[in-house]
Amino acid sequence: MSQPAMSRFKRIDARQLLARGEEPLPVIQARVQALKPDEGLIVVAPFLPSPLIEALGSQGFTPKCERGQDGEWIVYFWRAGA
């Protein structure tokens, strides 16, 4: 499957979770598991979340990474072949 329409992406800002002292991985994993086949997830992070990219890649998700205007990383995930 190609990348879903942008309107089908949910968004989570890991920077806010980290600022509150929360671990973002469990929150992100829960959001990913709740995605419908035609939905994707946008993760905004203060650093390139390489372990997350690898973990979700092994679960069948395709990543697309962009650098934001303020230096943050914006990573899009969607199910490959869904």
PDB file of N, CA and C in Angstrom:
ATOM      1  N   MET A   1       0.849  -1.180   0.000  1.00  0.00           N
ATOM      2  CA  MET A   1       0.000   0.000   0.000  1.00  0.00           C
ATOM      3  C   MET A   1       0.891   1.238   0.000  1.00  0.00           C
ATOM      4  N   SER A   2       0.469   2.220  -0.733  1.00  0.00           N
ATOM      5  CA  SER A   2       1.205   3.473  -0.714  1.00  0.00           C
ATOM      6  C   SER A   2       0.854   4.249   0.553  1.00  0.00           C
ATOM      7  N   GLN A   3       1.553   5.322   0.751  1.00  0.00           N
ATOM      8  CA  GLN A   3       1.328   6.148   1.942  1.00  0.00           C
ATOM      9  C   GLN A   3      -0.124   6.616   1.978  1.00  0.00           C
ATOM     10  N   PRO A   4      -0.786   6.492   3.129  1.00  0.00           N
ATOM     11  CA  PRO A   4      -2.168   6.979   3.248  1.00  0.00           C
ATOM     12  C   PRO A   4      -2.243   8.496   3.069  1.00  0.00           C
ATOM     13  N   ALA A   5      -3.436   8.980   2.796  1.00  0.00           N
ATOM     14  CA  ALA A   5      -3.658  10.424   2.718  1.00  0.00           C
ATOM     15  C   ALA A   5      -3.304  11.051   4.059  1.00  0.00           C
ATOM     16  N   MET A   6      -2.793  12.266   4.026  1.00  0.00           N
ATOM     17  CA  MET A   6      -2.387  12.942   5.261  1.00  0.00           C
ATOM     18  C   MET A   6      -3.533  13.044   6.266  1.00  0.00           C
ATOM     19  N   SER A   7      -4.749  13.127   5.789  1.00  0.00           N
ATOM     20  CA  SER A   7      -5.901  13.215   6.696  1.00  0.00           C
ATOM     21  C   SER A   7      -6.113  11.924   7.477  1.00  0.00           C
ATOM     22  N   ARG A   8      -5.451  10.843   7.073  1.00  0.00           N
ATOM     23  CA  ARG A   8      -5.595   9.540   7.731  1.00  0.00           C
ATOM     24  C   ARG A   8      -4.470   9.269   8.738  1.00  0.00           C
ATOM     25  N   PHE A   9      -3.636  10.266   8.998  1.00  0.00           N
ATOM     26  CA  PHE A   9      -2.545  10.103   9.955  1.00  0.00           C
ATOM     27  C   PHE A   9      -2.938  10.660  11.315  1.00  0.00           C
ATOM     28  N   LYS A  10      -2.628   9.915  12.357  1.00  0.00           N
ATOM     29  CA  LYS A  10      -2.736  10.387  13.737  1.00  0.00           C
ATOM     30  C   LYS A  10      -1.376  11.003  14.085  1.00  0.00           C
ATOM     31  N   ARG A  11      -1.337  11.877  15.064  1.00  0.00           N
ATOM     32  CA  ARG A  11      -0.084  12.567  15.403  1.00  0.00           C
ATOM     33  C   ARG A  11       0.211  12.436  16.890  1.00  0.00           C
ATOM     34  N   ILE A  12       1.469  12.194  17.199  1.00  0.00           N
ATOM     35  CA  ILE A  12       1.913  12.183  18.589  1.00  0.00           C
ATOM     36  C   ILE A  12       3.231  12.957  18.670  1.00  0.00           C
ATOM     37  N   ASP A  13       3.304  13.854  19.626  1.00  0.00           N
ATOM     38  CA  ASP A  13       4.495  14.679  19.804  1.00  0.00           C
ATOM     39  C   ASP A  13       5.285  14.130  20.992  1.00  0.00           C
ATOM     40  N   ALA A  14       6.336  13.392  20.689  1.00  0.00           N
ATOM     41  CA  ALA A  14       7.151  12.778  21.741  1.00  0.00           C
ATOM     42  C   ALA A  14       7.851  13.829  22.590  1.00  0.00           C
ATOM     43  N   ARG A  15       8.052  15.016  22.050  1.00  0.00           N
ATOM     44  CA  ARG A  15       8.708  16.086  22.814  1.00  0.00           C
ATOM     45  C   ARG A  15       7.891  16.444  24.044  1.00  0.00           C
ATOM     46  N   GLN A  16       6.577  16.476  23.899  1.00  0.00           N
ATOM     47  CA  GLN A  16       5.708  16.797  25.034  1.00  0.00           C
ATOM     48  C   GLN A  16       5.772  15.707  26.096  1.00  0.00           C
ATOM     49  N   LEU A  17       5.782  14.454  25.658  1.00  0.00           N
ATOM     50  CA  LEU A  17       5.879  13.340  26.607  1.00  0.00           C
ATOM     51  C   LEU A  17       7.213  13.390  27.354  1.00  0.00           C
ATOM     52  N   LEU A  18       8.289  13.605  26.625  1.00  0.00           N
ATOM     53  CA  LEU A  18       9.612  13.665  27.250  1.00  0.00           C
ATOM     54  C   LEU A  18       9.714  14.831  28.227  1.00  0.00           C
ATOM     55  N   ALA A  19       9.114  15.959  27.882  1.00  0.00           N
ATOM     56  CA  ALA A  19       9.145  17.134  28.765  1.00  0.00           C
ATOM     57  C   ALA A  19       8.435  16.861  30.087  1.00  0.00           C
ATOM     58  N   ARG A  20       7.439  15.956  30.051  1.00  0.00           N
ATOM     59  CA  ARG A  20       6.716  15.585  31.276  1.00  0.00           C
ATOM     60  C   ARG A  20       7.383  14.420  32.004  1.00  0.00           C
ATOM     61  N   GLY A  21       8.508  13.949  31.476  1.00  0.00           N
ATOM     62  CA  GLY A  21       9.216  12.840  32.097  1.00  0.00           C
ATOM     63  C   GLY A  21       8.624  11.482  31.770  1.00  0.00           C
ATOM     64  N   GLU A  22       7.768  11.419  30.758  1.00  0.00           N
ATOM     65  CA  GLU A  22       7.137  10.160  30.361  1.00  0.00           C
ATOM     66  C   GLU A  22       7.981   9.458  29.304  1.00  0.00           C
ATOM     67  N   GLU A  23       7.904   8.143  29.302  1.00  0.00           N
ATOM     68  CA  GLU A  23       8.565   7.330  28.288  1.00  0.00           C
ATOM     69  C   GLU A  23       7.627   7.248  27.080  1.00  0.00           C
ATOM     70  N   PRO A  24       8.039   7.753  25.913  1.00  0.00           N
ATOM     71  CA  PRO A  24       7.120   7.788  24.778  1.00  0.00           C
ATOM     72  C   PRO A  24       6.857   6.439  24.103  1.00  0.00           C
ATOM     73  N   LEU A  25       7.776   5.490  24.223  1.00  0.00           N
ATOM     74  CA  LEU A  25       7.626   4.237  23.481  1.00  0.00           C
ATOM     75  C   LEU A  25       6.319   3.503  23.778  1.00  0.00           C
ATOM     76  N   PRO A  26       5.924   3.302  25.033  1.00  0.00           N
ATOM     77  CA  PRO A  26       4.654   2.600  25.273  1.00  0.00           C
ATOM     78  C   PRO A  26       3.445   3.341  24.691  1.00  0.00           C
ATOM     79  N   VAL A  27       3.469   4.657  24.745  1.00  0.00           N
ATOM     80  CA  VAL A  27       2.366   5.450  24.193  1.00  0.00           C
ATOM     81  C   VAL A  27       2.322   5.289  22.678  1.00  0.00           C
ATOM     82  N   ILE A  28       3.483   5.358  22.049  1.00  0.00           N
ATOM     83  CA  ILE A  28       3.554   5.212  20.596  1.00  0.00           C
ATOM     84  C   ILE A  28       3.121   3.815  20.181  1.00  0.00           C
ATOM     85  N   GLN A  29       3.595   2.794  20.887  1.00  0.00           N
ATOM     86  CA  GLN A  29       3.221   1.413  20.562  1.00  0.00           C
ATOM     87  C   GLN A  29       1.709   1.214  20.665  1.00  0.00           C
ATOM     88  N   ALA A  30       1.089   1.781  21.693  1.00  0.00           N
ATOM     89  CA  ALA A  30      -0.363   1.653  21.849  1.00  0.00           C
ATOM     90  C   ALA A  30      -1.089   2.329  20.692  1.00  0.00           C
ATOM     91  N   ARG A  31      -0.616   3.499  20.294  1.00  0.00           N
ATOM     92  CA  ARG A  31      -1.242   4.209  19.165  1.00  0.00           C
ATOM     93  C   ARG A  31      -1.083   3.420  17.867  1.00  0.00           C
ATOM     94  N   VAL A  32       0.087   2.843  17.663  1.00  0.00           N
ATOM     95  CA  VAL A  32       0.341   2.067  16.450  1.00  0.00           C
ATOM     96  C   VAL A  32      -0.586   0.854  16.394  1.00  0.00           C
ATOM     97  N   GLN A  33      -0.733   0.169  17.515  1.00  0.00           N
ATOM     98  CA  GLN A  33      -1.583  -1.018  17.539  1.00  0.00           C
ATOM     99  C   GLN A  33      -3.047  -0.686  17.282  1.00  0.00           C
ATOM    100  N   ALA A  34      -3.454   0.541  17.593  1.00  0.00           N
ATOM    101  CA  ALA A  34      -4.850   0.953  17.406  1.00  0.00           C
ATOM    102  C   ALA A  34      -5.136   1.469  15.996  1.00  0.00           C
ATOM    103  N   LEU A  35      -4.109   1.583  15.161  1.00  0.00           N
ATOM    104  CA  LEU A  35      -4.317   2.110  13.811  1.00  0.00           C
ATOM    105  C   LEU A  35      -5.127   1.150  12.955  1.00  0.00           C
ATOM    106  N   LYS A  36      -6.006   1.708  12.151  1.00  0.00           N
ATOM    107  CA  LYS A  36      -6.727   0.929  11.144  1.00  0.00           C
ATOM    108  C   LYS A  36      -5.787   0.720   9.959  1.00  0.00           C
ATOM    109  N   PRO A  37      -6.087  -0.259   9.101  1.00  0.00           N
ATOM    110  CA  PRO A  37      -5.177  -0.544   7.982  1.00  0.00           C
ATOM    111  C   PRO A  37      -4.886   0.646   7.069  1.00  0.00           C
ATOM    112  N   ASP A  38      -5.827   1.571   6.951  1.00  0.00           N
ATOM    113  CA  ASP A  38      -5.622   2.714   6.050  1.00  0.00           C
ATOM    114  C   ASP A  38      -5.171   3.971   6.786  1.00  0.00           C
ATOM    115  N   GLU A  39      -4.676   3.811   8.014  1.00  0.00           N
ATOM    116  CA  GLU A  39      -4.213   4.946   8.806  1.00  0.00           C
ATOM    117  C   GLU A  39      -2.704   4.873   9.011  1.00  0.00           C
ATOM    118  N   GLY A  40      -2.140   6.010   9.357  1.00  0.00           N
ATOM    119  CA  GLY A  40      -0.728   6.085   9.677  1.00  0.00           C
ATOM    120  C   GLY A  40      -0.525   6.897  10.940  1.00  0.00           C
ATOM    121  N   LEU A  41       0.711   6.968  11.383  1.00  0.00           N
ATOM    122  CA  LEU A  41       1.053   7.710  12.586  1.00  0.00           C
ATOM    123  C   LEU A  41       2.211   8.650  12.279  1.00  0.00           C
ATOM    124  N   ILE A  42       2.100   9.881  12.757  1.00  0.00           N
ATOM    125  CA  ILE A  42       3.185  10.853  12.676  1.00  0.00           C
ATOM    126  C   ILE A  42       3.771  10.992  14.071  1.00  0.00           C
ATOM    127  N   VAL A  43       5.068  10.791  14.188  1.00  0.00           N
ATOM    128  CA  VAL A  43       5.769  10.973  15.456  1.00  0.00           C
ATOM    129  C   VAL A  43       6.715  12.160  15.299  1.00  0.00           C
ATOM    130  N   VAL A  44       6.578  13.134  16.177  1.00  0.00           N
ATOM    131  CA  VAL A  44       7.473  14.291  16.196  1.00  0.00           C
ATOM    132  C   VAL A  44       8.418  14.089  17.378  1.00  0.00           C
ATOM    133  N   ALA A  45       9.713  14.148  17.110  1.00  0.00           N
ATOM    134  CA  ALA A  45      10.704  13.871  18.155  1.00  0.00           C
ATOM    135  C   ALA A  45      11.851  14.878  18.080  1.00  0.00           C
ATOM    136  N   PRO A  46      12.526  15.106  19.213  1.00  0.00           N
ATOM    137  CA  PRO A  46      13.652  16.043  19.219  1.00  0.00           C
ATOM    138  C   PRO A  46      14.925  15.444  18.619  1.00  0.00           C
ATOM    139  N   PHE A  47      14.911  14.152  18.333  1.00  0.00           N
ATOM    140  CA  PHE A  47      16.058  13.450  17.755  1.00  0.00           C
ATOM    141  C   PHE A  47      15.514  12.393  16.803  1.00  0.00           C
ATOM    142  N   LEU A  48      16.353  11.897  15.917  1.00  0.00           N
ATOM    143  CA  LEU A  48      15.935  10.842  15.003  1.00  0.00           C
ATOM    144  C   LEU A  48      15.704   9.573  15.818  1.00  0.00           C
ATOM    145  N   PRO A  49      14.467   9.082  15.884  1.00  0.00           N
ATOM    146  CA  PRO A  49      14.166   7.927  16.738  1.00  0.00           C
ATOM    147  C   PRO A  49      14.507   6.597  16.051  1.00  0.00           C
ATOM    148  N   SER A  50      15.790   6.364  15.823  1.00  0.00           N
ATOM    149  CA  SER A  50      16.242   5.171  15.105  1.00  0.00           C
ATOM    150  C   SER A  50      15.732   3.862  15.701  1.00  0.00           C
ATOM    151  N   PRO A  51      15.780   3.668  17.037  1.00  0.00           N
ATOM    152  CA  PRO A  51      15.258   2.414  17.585  1.00  0.00           C
ATOM    153  C   PRO A  51      13.763   2.224  17.288  1.00  0.00           C
ATOM    154  N   LEU A  52      13.003   3.304  17.327  1.00  0.00           N
ATOM    155  CA  LEU A  52      11.574   3.221  17.012  1.00  0.00           C
ATOM    156  C   LEU A  52      11.375   2.863  15.541  1.00  0.00           C
ATOM    157  N   ILE A  53      12.153   3.474  14.672  1.00  0.00           N
ATOM    158  CA  ILE A  53      12.057   3.187  13.242  1.00  0.00           C
ATOM    159  C   ILE A  53      12.349   1.713  12.987  1.00  0.00           C
ATOM    160  N   GLU A  54      13.385   1.187  13.622  1.00  0.00           N
ATOM    161  CA  GLU A  54      13.731  -0.228  13.463  1.00  0.00           C
ATOM    162  C   GLU A  54      12.651  -1.132  14.036  1.00  0.00           C
ATOM    163  N   ALA A  55      12.144  -0.790  15.219  1.00  0.00           N
ATOM    164  CA  ALA A  55      11.127  -1.626  15.868  1.00  0.00           C
ATOM    165  C   ALA A  55       9.851  -1.685  15.037  1.00  0.00           C
ATOM    166  N   LEU A  56       9.381  -0.531  14.585  1.00  0.00           N
ATOM    167  CA  LEU A  56       8.145  -0.526  13.804  1.00  0.00           C
ATOM    168  C   LEU A  56       8.364  -1.109  12.414  1.00  0.00           C
ATOM    169  N   GLY A  57       9.568  -0.947  11.875  1.00  0.00           N
ATOM    170  CA  GLY A  57       9.887  -1.580  10.599  1.00  0.00           C
ATOM    171  C   GLY A  57       9.790  -3.089  10.693  1.00  0.00           C
ATOM    172  N   SER A  58      10.237  -3.651  11.811  1.00  0.00           N
ATOM    173  CA  SER A  58      10.154  -5.104  11.995  1.00  0.00           C
ATOM    174  C   SER A  58       8.720  -5.574  12.206  1.00  0.00           C
ATOM    175  N   GLN A  59       7.818  -4.621  12.507  1.00  0.00           N
ATOM    176  CA  GLN A  59       6.396  -4.941  12.660  1.00  0.00           C
ATOM    177  C   GLN A  59       5.616  -4.681  11.368  1.00  0.00           C
ATOM    178  N   GLY A  60       6.323  -4.370  10.284  1.00  0.00           N
ATOM    179  CA  GLY A  60       5.674  -4.192   8.992  1.00  0.00           C
ATOM    180  C   GLY A  60       5.295  -2.771   8.639  1.00  0.00           C
ATOM    181  N   PHE A  61       5.848  -1.795   9.355  1.00  0.00           N
ATOM    182  CA  PHE A  61       5.536  -0.395   9.073  1.00  0.00           C
ATOM    183  C   PHE A  61       6.636   0.236   8.230  1.00  0.00           C
ATOM    184  N   THR A  62       6.220   1.067   7.292  1.00  0.00           N
ATOM    185  CA  THR A  62       7.140   1.824   6.455  1.00  0.00           C
ATOM    186  C   THR A  62       7.356   3.194   7.088  1.00  0.00           C
ATOM    187  N   PRO A  63       8.608   3.628   7.242  1.00  0.00           N
ATOM    188  CA  PRO A  63       8.865   4.969   7.779  1.00  0.00           C
ATOM    189  C   PRO A  63       9.225   5.962   6.674  1.00  0.00           C
ATOM    190  N   LYS A  64       8.929   7.200   6.920  1.00  0.00           N
ATOM    191  CA  LYS A  64       9.393   8.309   6.078  1.00  0.00           C
ATOM    192  C   LYS A  64       9.821   9.406   7.038  1.00  0.00           C
ATOM    193  N   CYS A  65      11.076   9.841   6.943  1.00  0.00           N
ATOM    194  CA  CYS A  65      11.630  10.816   7.888  1.00  0.00           C
ATOM    195  C   CYS A  65      11.836  12.170   7.219  1.00  0.00           C
ATOM    196  N   GLU A  66      11.521  13.216   7.970  1.00  0.00           N
ATOM    197  CA  GLU A  66      11.759  14.582   7.520  1.00  0.00           C
ATOM    198  C   GLU A  66      12.335  15.376   8.678  1.00  0.00           C
ATOM    199  N   ARG A  67      13.111  16.378   8.354  1.00  0.00           N
ATOM    200  CA  ARG A  67      13.634  17.283   9.380  1.00  0.00           C
ATOM    201  C   ARG A  67      12.732  18.508   9.410  1.00  0.00           C
ATOM    202  N   GLY A  68      12.230  18.875  10.576  1.00  0.00           N
ATOM    203  CA  GLY A  68      11.355  20.026  10.722  1.00  0.00           C
ATOM    204  C   GLY A  68      12.128  21.333  10.713  1.00  0.00           C
ATOM    205  N   GLN A  69      11.405  22.426  10.612  1.00  0.00           N
ATOM    206  CA  GLN A  69      12.026  23.750  10.545  1.00  0.00           C
ATOM    207  C   GLN A  69      12.773  24.116  11.819  1.00  0.00           C
ATOM    208  N   ASP A  70      12.361  23.565  12.947  1.00  0.00           N
ATOM    209  CA  ASP A  70      13.001  23.880  14.228  1.00  0.00           C
ATOM    210  C   ASP A  70      14.008  22.816  14.657  1.00  0.00           C
ATOM    211  N   GLY A  71      14.382  21.920  13.727  1.00  0.00           N
ATOM    212  CA  GLY A  71      15.359  20.891  14.030  1.00  0.00           C
ATOM    213  C   GLY A  71      14.767  19.588  14.528  1.00  0.00           C
ATOM    214  N   GLU A  72      13.466  19.553  14.743  1.00  0.00           N
ATOM    215  CA  GLU A  72      12.831  18.315  15.188  1.00  0.00           C
ATOM    216  C   GLU A  72      12.757  17.325  14.028  1.00  0.00           C
ATOM    217  N   TRP A  73      12.522  16.070  14.375  1.00  0.00           N
ATOM    218  CA  TRP A  73      12.328  15.028  13.369  1.00  0.00           C
ATOM    219  C   TRP A  73      10.848  14.703  13.298  1.00  0.00           C
ATOM    220  N   ILE A  74      10.356  14.566  12.081  1.00  0.00           N
ATOM    221  CA  ILE A  74       8.966  14.191  11.835  1.00  0.00           C
ATOM    222  C   ILE A  74       9.024  12.868  11.087  1.00  0.00           C
ATOM    223  N   VAL A  75       8.484  11.825  11.710  1.00  0.00           N
ATOM    224  CA  VAL A  75       8.550  10.496  11.112  1.00  0.00           C
ATOM    225  C   VAL A  75       7.129  10.000  10.884  1.00  0.00           C
ATOM    226  N   TYR A  76       6.861   9.620   9.649  1.00  0.00           N
ATOM    227  CA  TYR A  76       5.565   9.082   9.249  1.00  0.00           C
ATOM    228  C   TYR A  76       5.690   7.565   9.208  1.00  0.00           C
ATOM    229  N   PHE A  77       4.721   6.871   9.775  1.00  0.00           N
ATOM    230  CA  PHE A  77       4.691   5.411   9.739  1.00  0.00           C
ATOM    231  C   PHE A  77       3.354   4.958   9.166  1.00  0.00           C
ATOM    232  N   TRP A  78       3.398   3.965   8.297  1.00  0.00           N
ATOM    233  CA  TRP A  78       2.178   3.330   7.811  1.00  0.00           C
ATOM    234  C   TRP A  78       2.500   1.876   7.501  1.00  0.00           C
ATOM    235  N   ARG A  79       1.454   1.063   7.456  1.00  0.00           N
ATOM    236  CA  ARG A  79       1.641  -0.368   7.231  1.00  0.00           C
ATOM    237  C   ARG A  79       2.031  -0.621   5.780  1.00  0.00           C
ATOM    238  N   ALA A  80       3.108  -1.338   5.609  1.00  0.00           N
ATOM    239  CA  ALA A  80       3.539  -1.726   4.267  1.00  0.00           C
ATOM    240  C   ALA A  80       2.656  -2.876   3.788  1.00  0.00           C
ATOM    241  N   GLY A  81       2.203  -2.791   2.582  1.00  0.00           N
ATOM    242  CA  GLY A  81       1.421  -3.877   2.010  1.00  0.00           C
ATOM    243  C   GLY A  81       0.042  -4.054   2.587  1.00  0.00           C
ATOM    244  N   ALA A  82      -0.456  -3.062   3.326  1.00  0.00           N
ATOM    245  CA  ALA A  82      -1.798  -3.186   3.915  1.00  0.00           C
ATOM    246  C   ALA A  82      -2.853  -2.922   2.875  1.00  0.00           C
TER     247      ALA A  82
END
